[in-house]
Amino acid sequence: MTTASAAALYAQALRSTVADPRRCTVPWGVCPEHGGTLKSRARATEGFDSWCTDFTCFNVWPYDRLDAACTEPATHTVQADDGDRYVVCDGHALAARAQITDGRVLPGLPT
Protein backbone atom coordinates (compact mmCIF):
# COMPACT_ATOMS: atom_id res chain seq x y z
CA MET A 1 0.00 0.00 0.00
CA THR A 2 1.36 3.39 -0.93
CA THR A 3 1.64 6.22 1.56
CA ALA A 4 -0.98 8.20 -0.38
CA SER A 5 -3.50 5.34 -0.31
CA ALA A 6 -2.79 4.68 3.38
CA ALA A 7 -3.41 8.37 4.11
CA ALA A 8 -6.68 8.27 2.16
CA LEU A 9 -7.84 5.17 4.05
CA TYR A 10 -6.88 6.77 7.38
CA ALA A 11 -8.84 9.93 6.46
CA GLN A 12 -11.83 7.76 5.55
CA ALA A 13 -11.59 6.02 8.95
CA LEU A 14 -11.60 9.38 10.73
CA ARG A 15 -14.75 10.46 8.83
CA SER A 16 -16.41 7.13 9.61
CA THR A 17 -15.67 7.52 13.33
CA VAL A 18 -17.52 10.83 13.31
CA ALA A 19 -20.41 9.31 11.34
CA ASP A 20 -20.93 6.28 13.64
CA PRO A 21 -18.66 6.02 16.69
CA ARG A 22 -19.99 2.54 17.60
CA ARG A 23 -18.91 0.77 14.38
CA CYS A 24 -15.45 -0.26 13.25
CA THR A 25 -14.25 2.31 10.77
CA VAL A 26 -11.75 0.30 8.72
CA PRO A 27 -12.82 -0.03 5.07
CA TRP A 28 -11.72 -3.68 4.70
CA GLY A 29 -12.60 -6.84 6.59
CA VAL A 30 -10.73 -9.10 8.99
CA CYS A 31 -11.53 -12.24 10.94
CA PRO A 32 -13.19 -10.93 14.12
CA GLU A 33 -11.26 -13.48 16.17
CA HIS A 34 -7.82 -13.57 14.50
CA GLY A 35 -7.34 -10.23 12.75
CA GLY A 36 -5.64 -9.94 9.37
CA THR A 37 -5.91 -13.60 8.41
CA LEU A 38 -8.51 -13.52 5.64
CA LYS A 39 -8.32 -14.98 2.16
CA SER A 40 -10.93 -14.43 -0.50
CA ARG A 41 -11.67 -15.96 -3.90
CA ALA A 42 -14.18 -15.54 -6.67
CA ARG A 43 -16.37 -18.51 -7.46
CA ALA A 44 -17.57 -19.07 -10.99
CA THR A 45 -21.20 -19.72 -10.10
CA GLU A 46 -21.98 -17.89 -6.88
CA GLY A 47 -19.71 -14.88 -6.46
CA PHE A 48 -17.17 -14.89 -3.63
CA ASP A 49 -16.10 -16.74 -0.51
CA SER A 50 -13.85 -15.52 2.29
CA TRP A 51 -12.28 -17.56 5.08
CA CYS A 52 -9.87 -17.24 7.97
CA THR A 53 -6.50 -18.89 7.40
CA ASP A 54 -5.83 -19.53 11.11
CA PHE A 55 -5.84 -23.34 11.33
CA THR A 56 -7.95 -23.29 14.52
CA CYS A 57 -10.65 -21.12 12.94
CA PHE A 58 -13.60 -22.34 10.96
CA ASN A 59 -15.04 -18.91 10.03
CA VAL A 60 -16.23 -18.71 6.41
CA TRP A 61 -18.26 -15.95 4.77
CA PRO A 62 -20.22 -16.32 1.49
CA TYR A 63 -19.10 -12.89 0.26
CA ASP A 64 -15.87 -10.96 -0.32
CA ARG A 65 -15.35 -9.92 3.31
CA LEU A 66 -11.73 -8.97 2.67
CA ASP A 67 -12.66 -6.13 0.29
CA ALA A 68 -15.82 -5.01 2.09
CA ALA A 69 -16.03 -2.37 4.81
CA CYS A 70 -15.88 -3.87 8.29
CA THR A 71 -19.28 -4.19 9.98
CA GLU A 72 -18.10 -5.33 13.43
CA PRO A 73 -18.79 -3.23 16.53
CA ALA A 74 -16.00 -0.91 17.67
CA THR A 75 -14.20 -2.02 20.85
CA HIS A 76 -10.81 -0.23 20.67
CA THR A 77 -9.38 3.17 19.83
CA VAL A 78 -6.31 3.60 17.64
CA GLN A 79 -4.54 6.81 18.68
CA ALA A 80 -1.92 8.30 16.37
CA ASP A 81 1.05 10.20 17.74
CA ASP A 82 -0.42 13.45 16.33
CA GLY A 83 -3.57 13.00 18.46
CA ASP A 84 -5.95 11.78 15.74
CA ARG A 85 -7.90 8.69 16.68
CA TYR A 86 -10.35 6.26 15.17
CA VAL A 87 -12.30 3.28 16.46
CA VAL A 88 -11.81 -0.36 15.45
CA CYS A 89 -13.18 -3.82 16.24
CA ASP A 90 -11.34 -6.62 18.05
CA GLY A 91 -9.96 -8.09 14.80
CA HIS A 92 -8.62 -4.77 13.54
CA ALA A 93 -7.15 -4.03 16.98
CA LEU A 94 -5.16 -7.29 16.72
CA ALA A 95 -3.93 -6.34 13.24
CA ALA A 96 -3.10 -2.77 14.31
CA ARG A 97 -1.02 -3.95 17.28
CA ALA A 98 1.09 -6.00 14.89
CA GLN A 99 1.39 -3.34 12.17
CA ILE A 100 1.41 0.22 13.49
CA THR A 101 4.56 1.91 14.72
CA ASP A 102 3.45 5.51 15.26
CA GLY A 103 0.46 5.15 17.56
CA ARG A 104 -1.24 3.10 20.23
CA VAL A 105 -4.16 0.69 20.37
CA LEU A 106 -6.26 1.33 23.45
CA PRO A 107 -9.16 -0.76 24.75
CA GLY A 108 -12.50 1.06 24.77
CA LEU A 109 -14.00 3.90 22.79
CA PRO A 110 -13.17 7.60 23.08
CA THR A 111 -15.29 9.60 25.49
C-alpha atoms as a PDB file:
ATOM      1  CA  MET A   1       0.000   0.000   0.000  1.00  0.00           C
ATOM      2  CA  THR A   2       1.355   3.387  -0.931  1.00  0.00           C
ATOM      3  CA  THR A   3       1.644   6.224   1.556  1.00  0.00           C
ATOM      4  CA  ALA A   4      -0.976   8.198  -0.382  1.00  0.00           C
ATOM      5  CA  SER A   5      -3.495   5.341  -0.312  1.00  0.00           C
ATOM      6  CA  ALA A   6      -2.788   4.683   3.384  1.00  0.00           C
ATOM      7  CA  ALA A   7      -3.408   8.369   4.112  1.00  0.00           C
ATOM      8  CA  ALA A   8      -6.681   8.270   2.164  1.00  0.00           C
ATOM      9  CA  LEU A   9      -7.844   5.175   4.054  1.00  0.00           C
ATOM     10  CA  TYR A  10      -6.881   6.768   7.380  1.00  0.00           C
ATOM     11  CA  ALA A  11      -8.845   9.929   6.460  1.00  0.00           C
ATOM     12  CA  GLN A  12     -11.834   7.760   5.554  1.00  0.00           C
ATOM     13  CA  ALA A  13     -11.588   6.019   8.945  1.00  0.00           C
ATOM     14  CA  LEU A  14     -11.604   9.384  10.731  1.00  0.00           C
ATOM     15  CA  ARG A  15     -14.745  10.456   8.829  1.00  0.00           C
ATOM     16  CA  SER A  16     -16.412   7.133   9.610  1.00  0.00           C
ATOM     17  CA  THR A  17     -15.670   7.517  13.330  1.00  0.00           C
ATOM     18  CA  VAL A  18     -17.518  10.831  13.315  1.00  0.00           C
ATOM     19  CA  ALA A  19     -20.412   9.310  11.344  1.00  0.00           C
ATOM     20  CA  ASP A  20     -20.931   6.280  13.639  1.00  0.00           C
ATOM     21  CA  PRO A  21     -18.664   6.015  16.688  1.00  0.00           C
ATOM     22  CA  ARG A  22     -19.992   2.542  17.601  1.00  0.00           C
ATOM     23  CA  ARG A  23     -18.915   0.767  14.376  1.00  0.00           C
ATOM     24  CA  CYS A  24     -15.453  -0.261  13.246  1.00  0.00           C
ATOM     25  CA  THR A  25     -14.245   2.314  10.769  1.00  0.00           C
ATOM     26  CA  VAL A  26     -11.755   0.303   8.715  1.00  0.00           C
ATOM     27  CA  PRO A  27     -12.816  -0.032   5.069  1.00  0.00           C
ATOM     28  CA  TRP A  28     -11.721  -3.679   4.703  1.00  0.00           C
ATOM     29  CA  GLY A  29     -12.599  -6.836   6.594  1.00  0.00           C
ATOM     30  CA  VAL A  30     -10.733  -9.098   8.985  1.00  0.00           C
ATOM     31  CA  CYS A  31     -11.528 -12.238  10.939  1.00  0.00           C
ATOM     32  CA  PRO A  32     -13.192 -10.930  14.116  1.00  0.00           C
ATOM     33  CA  GLU A  33     -11.258 -13.482  16.169  1.00  0.00           C
ATOM     34  CA  HIS A  34      -7.823 -13.570  14.498  1.00  0.00           C
ATOM     35  CA  GLY A  35      -7.339 -10.226  12.750  1.00  0.00           C
ATOM     36  CA  GLY A  36      -5.637  -9.935   9.368  1.00  0.00           C
ATOM     37  CA  THR A  37      -5.909 -13.595   8.411  1.00  0.00           C
ATOM     38  CA  LEU A  38      -8.511 -13.517   5.636  1.00  0.00           C
ATOM     39  CA  LYS A  39      -8.322 -14.984   2.162  1.00  0.00           C
ATOM     40  CA  SER A  40     -10.928 -14.430  -0.501  1.00  0.00           C
ATOM     41  CA  ARG A  41     -11.667 -15.961  -3.903  1.00  0.00           C
ATOM     42  CA  ALA A  42     -14.176 -15.535  -6.666  1.00  0.00           C
ATOM     43  CA  ARG A  43     -16.367 -18.514  -7.458  1.00  0.00           C
ATOM     44  CA  ALA A  44     -17.566 -19.067 -10.994  1.00  0.00           C
ATOM     45  CA  THR A  45     -21.196 -19.716 -10.103  1.00  0.00           C
ATOM     46  CA  GLU A  46     -21.983 -17.892  -6.884  1.00  0.00           C
ATOM     47  CA  GLY A  47     -19.713 -14.877  -6.462  1.00  0.00           C
ATOM     48  CA  PHE A  48     -17.167 -14.893  -3.628  1.00  0.00           C
ATOM     49  CA  ASP A  49     -16.100 -16.740  -0.513  1.00  0.00           C
ATOM     50  CA  SER A  50     -13.850 -15.522   2.290  1.00  0.00           C
ATOM     51  CA  TRP A  51     -12.282 -17.560   5.076  1.00  0.00           C
ATOM     52  CA  CYS A  52      -9.868 -17.238   7.967  1.00  0.00           C
ATOM     53  CA  THR A  53      -6.502 -18.885   7.403  1.00  0.00           C
ATOM     54  CA  ASP A  54      -5.833 -19.532  11.109  1.00  0.00           C
ATOM     55  CA  PHE A  55      -5.836 -23.337  11.328  1.00  0.00           C
ATOM     56  CA  THR A  56      -7.955 -23.286  14.521  1.00  0.00           C
ATOM     57  CA  CYS A  57     -10.651 -21.119  12.943  1.00  0.00           C
ATOM     58  CA  PHE A  58     -13.602 -22.335  10.958  1.00  0.00           C
ATOM     59  CA  ASN A  59     -15.037 -18.915  10.031  1.00  0.00           C
ATOM     60  CA  VAL A  60     -16.229 -18.713   6.411  1.00  0.00           C
ATOM     61  CA  TRP A  61     -18.262 -15.952   4.768  1.00  0.00           C
ATOM     62  CA  PRO A  62     -20.219 -16.321   1.488  1.00  0.00           C
ATOM     63  CA  TYR A  63     -19.098 -12.890   0.257  1.00  0.00           C
ATOM     64  CA  ASP A  64     -15.870 -10.962  -0.320  1.00  0.00           C
ATOM     65  CA  ARG A  65     -15.348  -9.922   3.312  1.00  0.00           C
ATOM     66  CA  LEU A  66     -11.729  -8.967   2.669  1.00  0.00           C
ATOM     67  CA  ASP A  67     -12.657  -6.134   0.291  1.00  0.00           C
ATOM     68  CA  ALA A  68     -15.823  -5.009   2.093  1.00  0.00           C
ATOM     69  CA  ALA A  69     -16.033  -2.367   4.807  1.00  0.00           C
ATOM     70  CA  CYS A  70     -15.884  -3.874   8.292  1.00  0.00           C
ATOM     71  CA  THR A  71     -19.279  -4.189   9.981  1.00  0.00           C
ATOM     72  CA  GLU A  72     -18.096  -5.327  13.425  1.00  0.00           C
ATOM     73  CA  PRO A  73     -18.789  -3.226  16.535  1.00  0.00           C
ATOM     74  CA  ALA A  74     -16.003  -0.911  17.670  1.00  0.00           C
ATOM     75  CA  THR A  75     -14.200  -2.019  20.849  1.00  0.00           C
ATOM     76  CA  HIS A  76     -10.807  -0.235  20.672  1.00  0.00           C
ATOM     77  CA  THR A  77      -9.383   3.172  19.832  1.00  0.00           C
ATOM     78  CA  VAL A  78      -6.307   3.604  17.642  1.00  0.00           C
ATOM     79  CA  GLN A  79      -4.538   6.808  18.684  1.00  0.00           C
ATOM     80  CA  ALA A  80      -1.922   8.299  16.372  1.00  0.00           C
ATOM     81  CA  ASP A  81       1.047  10.198  17.739  1.00  0.00           C
ATOM     82  CA  ASP A  82      -0.423  13.447  16.331  1.00  0.00           C
ATOM     83  CA  GLY A  83      -3.575  12.997  18.455  1.00  0.00           C
ATOM     84  CA  ASP A  84      -5.946  11.778  15.738  1.00  0.00           C
ATOM     85  CA  ARG A  85      -7.898   8.687  16.677  1.00  0.00           C
ATOM     86  CA  TYR A  86     -10.346   6.256  15.167  1.00  0.00           C
ATOM     87  CA  VAL A  87     -12.296   3.276  16.463  1.00  0.00           C
ATOM     88  CA  VAL A  88     -11.815  -0.355  15.449  1.00  0.00           C
ATOM     89  CA  CYS A  89     -13.176  -3.816  16.237  1.00  0.00           C
ATOM     90  CA  ASP A  90     -11.337  -6.625  18.054  1.00  0.00           C
ATOM     91  CA  GLY A  91      -9.963  -8.092  14.801  1.00  0.00           C
ATOM     92  CA  HIS A  92      -8.621  -4.770  13.540  1.00  0.00           C
ATOM     93  CA  ALA A  93      -7.151  -4.031  16.978  1.00  0.00           C
ATOM     94  CA  LEU A  94      -5.164  -7.291  16.717  1.00  0.00           C
ATOM     95  CA  ALA A  95      -3.932  -6.338  13.244  1.00  0.00           C
ATOM     96  CA  ALA A  96      -3.097  -2.766  14.314  1.00  0.00           C
ATOM     97  CA  ARG A  97      -1.018  -3.951  17.280  1.00  0.00           C
ATOM     98  CA  ALA A  98       1.089  -5.996  14.891  1.00  0.00           C
ATOM     99  CA  GLN A  99       1.393  -3.341  12.174  1.00  0.00           C
ATOM    100  CA  ILE A 100       1.406   0.220  13.493  1.00  0.00           C
ATOM    101  CA  THR A 101       4.565   1.915  14.724  1.00  0.00           C
ATOM    102  CA  ASP A 102       3.450   5.506  15.258  1.00  0.00           C
ATOM    103  CA  GLY A 103       0.461   5.154  17.557  1.00  0.00           C
ATOM    104  CA  ARG A 104      -1.244   3.101  20.232  1.00  0.00           C
ATOM    105  CA  VAL A 105      -4.165   0.690  20.365  1.00  0.00           C
ATOM    106  CA  LEU A 106      -6.262   1.332  23.454  1.00  0.00           C
ATOM    107  CA  PRO A 107      -9.159  -0.761  24.755  1.00  0.00           C
ATOM    108  CA  GLY A 108     -12.501   1.057  24.769  1.00  0.00           C
ATOM    109  CA  LEU A 109     -13.996   3.901  22.793  1.00  0.00           C
ATOM    110  CA  PRO A 110     -13.169   7.602  23.079  1.00  0.00           C
ATOM    111  CA  THR A 111     -15.294   9.599  25.486  1.00  0.00           C
END
